Amino acid sequence: MKRYLKIIILGWMLCTVQNLVAQSTTIDTTGDLFKDFRTELMWEANVKIGNTIVVGESKRGIRRIIPITGGTFSGSKIKGDVLPLGEDWQLVRPDGDTELYARYLLKTHDGHLIQVINRALIHTGAKGNDFYCKSVLDLEAPVDSPYDYLNHAVFMGTIRFPVLQPGEDPYVIIGVYRVM
């Protein structure tokens, strides 16, 4: 009986290993898997910002905080307001790049709250012509809302800095894209 049980266990282990090996051989090693990424614009947000608070030099670089004071957002399936309840914690690294960690709330036109965590990297090269600014967003929408679909995707973003008109409050333009 023991010998029979050992044979069954050994057979099960061999089948499991064989399945794992078979699965690993189906991995795309050509890199084609990442060549068909597409994105869909979900919304653009005009995010108003307050005066920069410079915390100062830290062991990682220069730390500063920019309050998020409001704004609006609009897309084909969603629109509403940026609530004045957030901040953008920034770190200017010793290499000159800036890391952003923004956390704030959106309120949709129909009253639902969506939490946004936006992590970005800004790079301006020495020549000034190789500007890079992209972000990854984590969106958290109520599961019992029409915006639950935001909980089930990966989002990337762009950040643009408009030229302000005299008397205009400072803001940034954030584009939010769903990765298909």
C-alpha atoms as a PDB file:
ATOM      1  CA  MET A   1       0.000   0.000   0.000  1.00  0.00           C
ATOM      2  CA  LYS A   2       2.821   2.419   0.886  1.00  0.00           C
ATOM      3  CA  ARG A   3       4.609   1.609  -2.347  1.00  0.00           C
ATOM      4  CA  TYR A   4       1.434   2.215  -4.341  1.00  0.00           C
ATOM      5  CA  LEU A   5       0.913   5.591  -2.602  1.00  0.00           C
ATOM      6  CA  LYS A   6       4.516   6.612  -3.354  1.00  0.00           C
ATOM      7  CA  ILE A   7       4.037   5.764  -7.041  1.00  0.00           C
ATOM      8  CA  ILE A   8       0.858   7.882  -7.186  1.00  0.00           C
ATOM      9  CA  ILE A   9       2.580  10.846  -5.503  1.00  0.00           C
ATOM     10  CA  LEU A  10       5.628  10.516  -7.775  1.00  0.00           C
ATOM     11  CA  GLY A  11       3.358  10.371 -10.840  1.00  0.00           C
ATOM     12  CA  TRP A  12       1.455  13.442  -9.683  1.00  0.00           C
ATOM     13  CA  MET A  13       4.738  15.344  -9.131  1.00  0.00           C
ATOM     14  CA  LEU A  14       5.995  14.396 -12.606  1.00  0.00           C
ATOM     15  CA  CYS A  15       2.751  15.572 -14.205  1.00  0.00           C
ATOM     16  CA  THR A  16       2.926  18.852 -12.275  1.00  0.00           C
ATOM     17  CA  VAL A  17       6.532  19.486 -13.332  1.00  0.00           C
ATOM     18  CA  GLN A  18       5.706  18.573 -16.929  1.00  0.00           C
ATOM     19  CA  ASN A  19       2.814  21.075 -16.922  1.00  0.00           C
ATOM     20  CA  LEU A  20       5.046  23.793 -15.495  1.00  0.00           C
ATOM     21  CA  VAL A  21       7.691  23.148 -18.145  1.00  0.00           C
ATOM     22  CA  ALA A  22       5.059  23.180 -20.876  1.00  0.00           C
ATOM     23  CA  GLN A  23       3.701  26.495 -19.604  1.00  0.00           C
ATOM     24  CA  SER A  24       7.140  28.065 -19.441  1.00  0.00           C
ATOM     25  CA  THR A  25       7.853  27.170 -23.067  1.00  0.00           C
ATOM     26  CA  THR A  26       4.896  29.290 -24.179  1.00  0.00           C
ATOM     27  CA  ILE A  27       6.471  32.511 -22.875  1.00  0.00           C
ATOM     28  CA  ASP A  28       7.043  35.040 -25.642  1.00  0.00           C
ATOM     29  CA  THR A  29      10.797  35.429 -25.926  1.00  0.00           C
ATOM     30  CA  THR A  30      10.681  37.576 -29.060  1.00  0.00           C
ATOM     31  CA  GLY A  31       9.514  40.684 -27.242  1.00  0.00           C
ATOM     32  CA  ASP A  32       6.420  40.931 -29.451  1.00  0.00           C
ATOM     33  CA  LEU A  33       4.234  40.828 -26.361  1.00  0.00           C
ATOM     34  CA  PHE A  34       5.129  44.431 -25.544  1.00  0.00           C
ATOM     35  CA  LYS A  35       4.976  45.814 -29.072  1.00  0.00           C
ATOM     36  CA  ASP A  36       1.203  46.024 -29.213  1.00  0.00           C
ATOM     37  CA  PHE A  37       0.556  48.203 -26.190  1.00  0.00           C
ATOM     38  CA  ARG A  38      -2.200  50.677 -26.884  1.00  0.00           C
ATOM     39  CA  THR A  39      -3.691  53.319 -24.663  1.00  0.00           C
ATOM     40  CA  GLU A  40      -7.067  54.978 -24.379  1.00  0.00           C
ATOM     41  CA  LEU A  41      -7.395  58.541 -23.096  1.00  0.00           C
ATOM     42  CA  MET A  42      -9.663  58.400 -20.057  1.00  0.00           C
ATOM     43  CA  TRP A  43      -9.580  62.089 -19.091  1.00  0.00           C
ATOM     44  CA  GLU A  44      -7.574  65.245 -18.880  1.00  0.00           C
ATOM     45  CA  ALA A  45      -7.448  67.125 -15.616  1.00  0.00           C
ATOM     46  CA  ASN A  46      -6.572  70.741 -14.979  1.00  0.00           C
ATOM     47  CA  VAL A  47      -5.159  70.443 -11.473  1.00  0.00           C
ATOM     48  CA  LYS A  48      -4.725  73.732  -9.618  1.00  0.00           C
ATOM     49  CA  ILE A  49      -1.671  73.947  -7.408  1.00  0.00           C
ATOM     50  CA  GLY A  50      -0.685  76.150  -4.493  1.00  0.00           C
ATOM     51  CA  ASN A  51       2.602  77.671  -3.448  1.00  0.00           C
ATOM     52  CA  THR A  52       5.543  75.330  -3.140  1.00  0.00           C
ATOM     53  CA  ILE A  53       6.662  74.472   0.372  1.00  0.00           C
ATOM     54  CA  VAL A  54      10.390  73.729   0.402  1.00  0.00           C
ATOM     55  CA  VAL A  55      11.165  71.244   3.149  1.00  0.00           C
ATOM     56  CA  GLY A  56      14.858  71.367   2.323  1.00  0.00           C
ATOM     57  CA  GLU A  57      17.818  69.119   1.720  1.00  0.00           C
ATOM     58  CA  SER A  58      17.451  65.520   2.839  1.00  0.00           C
ATOM     59  CA  LYS A  59      19.613  62.438   2.516  1.00  0.00           C
ATOM     60  CA  ARG A  60      17.873  61.687  -0.803  1.00  0.00           C
ATOM     61  CA  GLY A  61      17.804  65.202  -2.304  1.00  0.00           C
ATOM     62  CA  ILE A  62      15.719  68.351  -2.009  1.00  0.00           C
ATOM     63  CA  ARG A  63      12.217  67.717  -0.709  1.00  0.00           C
ATOM     64  CA  ARG A  64       9.299  70.002  -1.518  1.00  0.00           C
ATOM     65  CA  ILE A  65       5.518  69.823  -1.254  1.00  0.00           C
ATOM     66  CA  ILE A  66       2.973  71.385  -3.591  1.00  0.00           C
ATOM     67  CA  PRO A  67      -0.635  71.587  -2.335  1.00  0.00           C
ATOM     68  CA  ILE A  68      -3.377  70.537  -4.730  1.00  0.00           C
ATOM     69  CA  THR A  69      -6.043  73.215  -4.441  1.00  0.00           C
ATOM     70  CA  GLY A  70      -8.765  72.054  -6.852  1.00  0.00           C
ATOM     71  CA  GLY A  71      -9.514  71.804 -10.532  1.00  0.00           C
ATOM     72  CA  THR A  72     -11.632  69.893 -13.010  1.00  0.00           C
ATOM     73  CA  PHE A  73     -11.358  66.756 -15.115  1.00  0.00           C
ATOM     74  CA  SER A  74     -13.228  65.557 -18.167  1.00  0.00           C
ATOM     75  CA  GLY A  75     -13.228  62.558 -20.490  1.00  0.00           C
ATOM     76  CA  SER A  76     -15.619  60.670 -22.751  1.00  0.00           C
ATOM     77  CA  LYS A  77     -17.068  58.566 -19.878  1.00  0.00           C
ATOM     78  CA  ILE A  78     -16.305  60.643 -16.799  1.00  0.00           C
ATOM     79  CA  LYS A  79     -16.076  64.219 -15.548  1.00  0.00           C
ATOM     80  CA  GLY A  80     -16.042  66.179 -12.333  1.00  0.00           C
ATOM     81  CA  ASP A  81     -13.911  68.159  -9.915  1.00  0.00           C
ATOM     82  CA  VAL A  82     -10.479  67.753  -8.390  1.00  0.00           C
ATOM     83  CA  LEU A  83     -11.030  68.270  -4.670  1.00  0.00           C
ATOM     84  CA  PRO A  84      -8.724  70.602  -2.732  1.00  0.00           C
ATOM     85  CA  LEU A  85      -7.575  67.725  -0.526  1.00  0.00           C
ATOM     86  CA  GLY A  86      -4.221  66.603  -1.801  1.00  0.00           C
ATOM     87  CA  GLU A  87      -0.531  67.216  -2.106  1.00  0.00           C
ATOM     88  CA  ASP A  88       2.300  66.475  -4.474  1.00  0.00           C
ATOM     89  CA  TRP A  89       5.395  65.427  -2.526  1.00  0.00           C
ATOM     90  CA  GLN A  90       8.424  65.960  -4.714  1.00  0.00           C
ATOM     91  CA  LEU A  91      12.030  64.914  -4.458  1.00  0.00           C
ATOM     92  CA  VAL A  92      14.690  66.582  -6.579  1.00  0.00           C
ATOM     93  CA  ARG A  93      17.354  63.890  -6.683  1.00  0.00           C
ATOM     94  CA  PRO A  94      21.102  64.560  -6.719  1.00  0.00           C
ATOM     95  CA  ASP A  95      21.148  63.581 -10.435  1.00  0.00           C
ATOM     96  CA  GLY A  96      18.665  66.398 -11.204  1.00  0.00           C
ATOM     97  CA  ASP A  97      15.607  64.234 -11.901  1.00  0.00           C
ATOM     98  CA  THR A  98      12.432  64.945  -9.945  1.00  0.00           C
ATOM     99  CA  GLU A  99      10.226  62.229  -8.476  1.00  0.00           C
ATOM    100  CA  LEU A 100       6.604  63.150  -7.807  1.00  0.00           C
ATOM    101  CA  TYR A 101       4.181  61.391  -5.484  1.00  0.00           C
ATOM    102  CA  ALA A 102       0.775  63.028  -5.676  1.00  0.00           C
ATOM    103  CA  ARG A 103      -2.286  61.864  -3.783  1.00  0.00           C
ATOM    104  CA  TYR A 104      -5.674  63.524  -4.190  1.00  0.00           C
ATOM    105  CA  LEU A 105      -9.391  62.939  -4.728  1.00  0.00           C
ATOM    106  CA  LEU A 106     -11.685  63.335  -7.706  1.00  0.00           C
ATOM    107  CA  LYS A 107     -15.416  63.856  -7.291  1.00  0.00           C
ATOM    108  CA  THR A 108     -17.424  62.779 -10.313  1.00  0.00           C
ATOM    109  CA  HIS A 109     -20.351  64.830 -11.601  1.00  0.00           C
ATOM    110  CA  ASP A 110     -22.685  62.241 -10.049  1.00  0.00           C
ATOM    111  CA  GLY A 111     -21.086  62.342  -6.601  1.00  0.00           C
ATOM    112  CA  HIS A 112     -18.637  59.417  -6.487  1.00  0.00           C
ATOM    113  CA  LEU A 113     -15.155  59.857  -4.978  1.00  0.00           C
ATOM    114  CA  ILE A 114     -12.082  58.389  -6.678  1.00  0.00           C
ATOM    115  CA  GLN A 115      -8.694  58.299  -5.011  1.00  0.00           C
ATOM    116  CA  VAL A 116      -5.708  59.045  -7.248  1.00  0.00           C
ATOM    117  CA  ILE A 117      -2.109  58.204  -6.462  1.00  0.00           C
ATOM    118  CA  ASN A 118       0.141  59.496  -9.196  1.00  0.00           C
ATOM    119  CA  ARG A 119       3.864  58.680  -9.267  1.00  0.00           C
ATOM    120  CA  ALA A 120       5.877  60.514 -11.896  1.00  0.00           C
ATOM    121  CA  LEU A 121       9.416  61.080 -13.067  1.00  0.00           C
ATOM    122  CA  ILE A 122      10.588  64.324 -14.623  1.00  0.00           C
ATOM    123  CA  HIS A 123      13.916  64.367 -16.432  1.00  0.00           C
ATOM    124  CA  THR A 124      15.410  67.363 -18.150  1.00  0.00           C
ATOM    125  CA  GLY A 125      18.695  66.602 -19.812  1.00  0.00           C
ATOM    126  CA  ALA A 126      21.700  68.880 -19.835  1.00  0.00           C
ATOM    127  CA  LYS A 127      20.856  69.993 -23.380  1.00  0.00           C
ATOM    128  CA  GLY A 128      17.284  70.856 -22.421  1.00  0.00           C
ATOM    129  CA  ASN A 129      15.846  69.064 -25.449  1.00  0.00           C
ATOM    130  CA  ASP A 130      15.364  65.633 -23.902  1.00  0.00           C
ATOM    131  CA  PHE A 131      12.518  66.468 -21.518  1.00  0.00           C
ATOM    132  CA  TYR A 132      10.736  63.399 -20.146  1.00  0.00           C
ATOM    133  CA  CYS A 133       7.702  63.409 -17.883  1.00  0.00           C
ATOM    134  CA  LYS A 134       5.528  60.304 -17.491  1.00  0.00           C
ATOM    135  CA  SER A 135       3.600  58.801 -14.614  1.00  0.00           C
ATOM    136  CA  VAL A 136       1.892  55.681 -13.343  1.00  0.00           C
ATOM    137  CA  LEU A 137      -1.457  56.139 -11.645  1.00  0.00           C
ATOM    138  CA  ASP A 138      -3.251  53.998  -9.106  1.00  0.00           C
ATOM    139  CA  LEU A 139      -6.986  54.693  -9.167  1.00  0.00           C
ATOM    140  CA  GLU A 140      -9.368  53.527  -6.465  1.00  0.00           C
ATOM    141  CA  ALA A 141     -13.063  53.872  -7.277  1.00  0.00           C
ATOM    142  CA  PRO A 142     -16.069  52.664  -5.276  1.00  0.00           C
ATOM    143  CA  VAL A 143     -16.900  49.090  -6.291  1.00  0.00           C
ATOM    144  CA  ASP A 144     -20.622  49.804  -6.239  1.00  0.00           C
ATOM    145  CA  SER A 145     -20.324  52.720  -8.669  1.00  0.00           C
ATOM    146  CA  PRO A 146     -20.373  53.168 -12.449  1.00  0.00           C
ATOM    147  CA  TYR A 147     -16.586  53.722 -12.165  1.00  0.00           C
ATOM    148  CA  ASP A 148     -15.663  50.275 -10.826  1.00  0.00           C
ATOM    149  CA  TYR A 149     -13.972  49.589 -14.194  1.00  0.00           C
ATOM    150  CA  LEU A 150     -11.164  51.919 -13.044  1.00  0.00           C
ATOM    151  CA  ASN A 151     -10.215  49.324 -10.413  1.00  0.00           C
ATOM    152  CA  HIS A 152      -9.383  46.744 -13.069  1.00  0.00           C
ATOM    153  CA  ALA A 153      -6.766  48.343 -15.314  1.00  0.00           C
ATOM    154  CA  VAL A 154      -3.309  49.888 -15.407  1.00  0.00           C
ATOM    155  CA  PHE A 155      -3.068  53.632 -16.022  1.00  0.00           C
ATOM    156  CA  MET A 156      -0.270  55.820 -17.275  1.00  0.00           C
ATOM    157  CA  GLY A 157      -0.166  59.563 -17.392  1.00  0.00           C
ATOM    158  CA  THR A 158       1.342  62.655 -18.870  1.00  0.00           C
ATOM    159  CA  ILE A 159       1.945  65.953 -17.149  1.00  0.00           C
ATOM    160  CA  ARG A 160       2.085  69.231 -19.038  1.00  0.00           C
ATOM    161  CA  PHE A 161       2.970  72.633 -17.670  1.00  0.00           C
ATOM    162  CA  PRO A 162       0.957  75.331 -19.490  1.00  0.00           C
ATOM    163  CA  VAL A 163       2.136  78.872 -20.048  1.00  0.00           C
ATOM    164  CA  LEU A 164       0.040  80.872 -17.609  1.00  0.00           C
ATOM    165  CA  GLN A 165      -1.769  84.033 -18.592  1.00  0.00           C
ATOM    166  CA  PRO A 166      -1.420  87.106 -16.346  1.00  0.00           C
ATOM    167  CA  GLY A 167      -3.567  86.648 -13.226  1.00  0.00           C
ATOM    168  CA  GLU A 168      -4.225  82.971 -13.950  1.00  0.00           C
ATOM    169  CA  ASP A 169      -3.903  80.541 -11.021  1.00  0.00           C
ATOM    170  CA  PRO A 170      -1.122  77.989 -11.501  1.00  0.00           C
ATOM    171  CA  TYR A 171      -2.164  74.522 -12.665  1.00  0.00           C
ATOM    172  CA  VAL A 172      -0.848  71.447 -14.440  1.00  0.00           C
ATOM    173  CA  ILE A 173      -2.585  69.365 -17.095  1.00  0.00           C
ATOM    174  CA  ILE A 174      -2.637  65.643 -16.359  1.00  0.00           C
ATOM    175  CA  GLY A 175      -3.605  63.187 -19.081  1.00  0.00           C
ATOM    176  CA  VAL A 176      -4.779  59.779 -17.802  1.00  0.00           C
ATOM    177  CA  TYR A 177      -4.531  56.802 -20.168  1.00  0.00           C
ATOM    178  CA  ARG A 178      -5.702  53.223 -19.696  1.00  0.00           C
ATOM    179  CA  VAL A 179      -3.226  50.653 -20.965  1.00  0.00           C
ATOM    180  CA  MET A 180      -5.097  48.232 -23.249  1.00  0.00           C
END
